[in-house]
Amino acid sequence: MFSVAFWKASFERALKTTAQSVLLALGASDVGPANLFEADWQNLVGFAVSGAVLSVLSSIISVPLSDGNGPSLAPAAEIESNSGGTP
C-alpha cells in the first residue's frame, strides 16, 4: 500500500469509477446529449467525488484481504499472468 505502483493503480481505478458515476447520474436524470448544459452540475460533481472516494477506500480496504501488492482482491501474479491478452 505504500508503493507508487499501488497508488497509480488506485488512481486509475478511481478515475474509471468517477467516469462511471457521472454516466450513471446522467443516465438517471432527464438530461440528454442535447440538454447537457442544463444538467445539475452540483449533483454530477457530487456523484463523481463520491465515486472516487469510495473507489480509493475500497482499494485501501482490499489490501489486508489480498496479497498486499495492489488495490485488487485478485493476487498480483494472477493479474500479471493474464495480461498477455488471453482470457
Protein backbone atom coordinates (compact mmCIF):
# COMPACT_ATOMS: atom_id res chain seq x y z
CA MET A 1 0.00 0.00 0.00
CA PHE A 2 2.97 2.29 0.46
CA SER A 3 4.26 1.93 -3.09
CA VAL A 4 3.89 4.21 -6.07
CA ALA A 5 2.52 1.32 -8.13
CA PHE A 6 -0.32 0.81 -5.63
CA TRP A 7 -1.36 4.47 -5.78
CA LYS A 8 -1.10 4.58 -9.58
CA ALA A 9 -3.40 1.57 -9.83
CA SER A 10 -5.75 3.05 -7.22
CA PHE A 11 -5.86 6.37 -9.08
CA GLU A 12 -6.65 4.59 -12.35
CA ARG A 13 -9.49 2.69 -10.68
CA ALA A 14 -10.81 5.89 -9.06
CA LEU A 15 -10.74 7.71 -12.40
CA LYS A 16 -12.73 4.94 -14.06
CA THR A 17 -15.24 4.89 -11.21
CA THR A 18 -15.58 8.68 -11.42
CA ALA A 19 -16.47 8.48 -15.10
CA GLN A 20 -18.91 5.64 -14.47
CA SER A 21 -20.57 7.60 -11.66
CA VAL A 22 -21.08 10.63 -13.89
CA LEU A 23 -22.51 8.49 -16.68
CA LEU A 24 -24.84 6.80 -14.19
CA ALA A 25 -26.03 10.16 -12.87
CA LEU A 26 -26.59 11.48 -16.40
CA GLY A 27 -28.46 8.31 -17.37
CA ALA A 28 -30.68 8.51 -14.31
CA SER A 29 -31.65 12.11 -15.00
CA ASP A 30 -33.73 13.57 -17.80
CA VAL A 31 -30.67 15.18 -19.35
CA GLY A 32 -29.90 14.02 -22.86
CA PRO A 33 -26.90 14.91 -25.01
CA ALA A 34 -28.74 17.93 -26.42
CA ASN A 35 -29.54 19.24 -22.94
CA LEU A 36 -26.14 18.68 -21.35
CA PHE A 37 -25.82 22.36 -20.43
CA GLU A 38 -28.99 22.06 -18.38
CA ALA A 39 -27.56 19.29 -16.19
CA ASP A 40 -27.40 19.71 -12.43
CA TRP A 41 -23.62 20.07 -12.24
CA GLN A 42 -23.55 20.11 -8.44
CA ASN A 43 -25.17 16.68 -8.41
CA LEU A 44 -22.83 15.39 -11.10
CA VAL A 45 -19.76 16.60 -9.21
CA GLY A 46 -21.17 15.04 -6.04
CA PHE A 47 -21.59 11.69 -7.75
CA ALA A 48 -18.10 11.94 -9.26
CA VAL A 49 -16.37 12.79 -5.97
CA SER A 50 -18.35 10.15 -4.07
CA GLY A 51 -17.41 7.51 -6.62
CA ALA A 52 -13.73 8.43 -6.46
CA VAL A 53 -13.65 8.42 -2.66
CA LEU A 54 -15.43 5.06 -2.47
CA SER A 55 -13.05 3.61 -5.03
CA VAL A 56 -9.94 4.73 -3.11
CA LEU A 57 -11.39 3.47 0.17
CA SER A 58 -12.21 0.15 -1.49
CA SER A 59 -8.62 -0.11 -2.72
CA ILE A 60 -7.24 0.58 0.76
CA ILE A 61 -9.61 -1.89 2.41
CA SER A 62 -8.67 -4.58 -0.13
CA VAL A 63 -5.00 -4.57 0.91
CA PRO A 64 -5.34 -6.77 4.03
CA LEU A 65 -7.63 -9.17 2.17
CA SER A 66 -5.26 -9.67 -0.78
CA ASP A 67 -1.55 -10.32 -1.10
CA GLY A 68 -0.89 -6.64 -0.29
CA ASN A 69 0.69 -5.74 -3.62
CA GLY A 70 -2.19 -3.96 -5.28
CA PRO A 71 -5.63 -2.42 -4.85
CA SER A 72 -7.42 -5.53 -6.07
CA LEU A 73 -8.59 -8.65 -4.27
CA ALA A 74 -7.08 -10.74 -7.07
CA PRO A 75 -3.47 -11.76 -6.48
CA ALA A 76 -0.90 -9.75 -8.46
CA ALA A 77 0.59 -12.91 -10.00
CA GLU A 78 -2.82 -13.83 -11.37
CA ILE A 79 -3.21 -10.40 -12.94
CA GLU A 80 0.29 -10.48 -14.46
CA SER A 81 -0.20 -13.91 -15.98
CA ASN A 82 -3.43 -12.79 -17.69
CA SER A 83 -2.04 -9.52 -19.03
CA GLY A 84 -0.86 -11.15 -22.25
CA GLY A 85 -4.23 -10.65 -23.89
CA THR A 86 -5.52 -14.17 -23.43
CA PRO A 87 -8.73 -14.62 -21.45
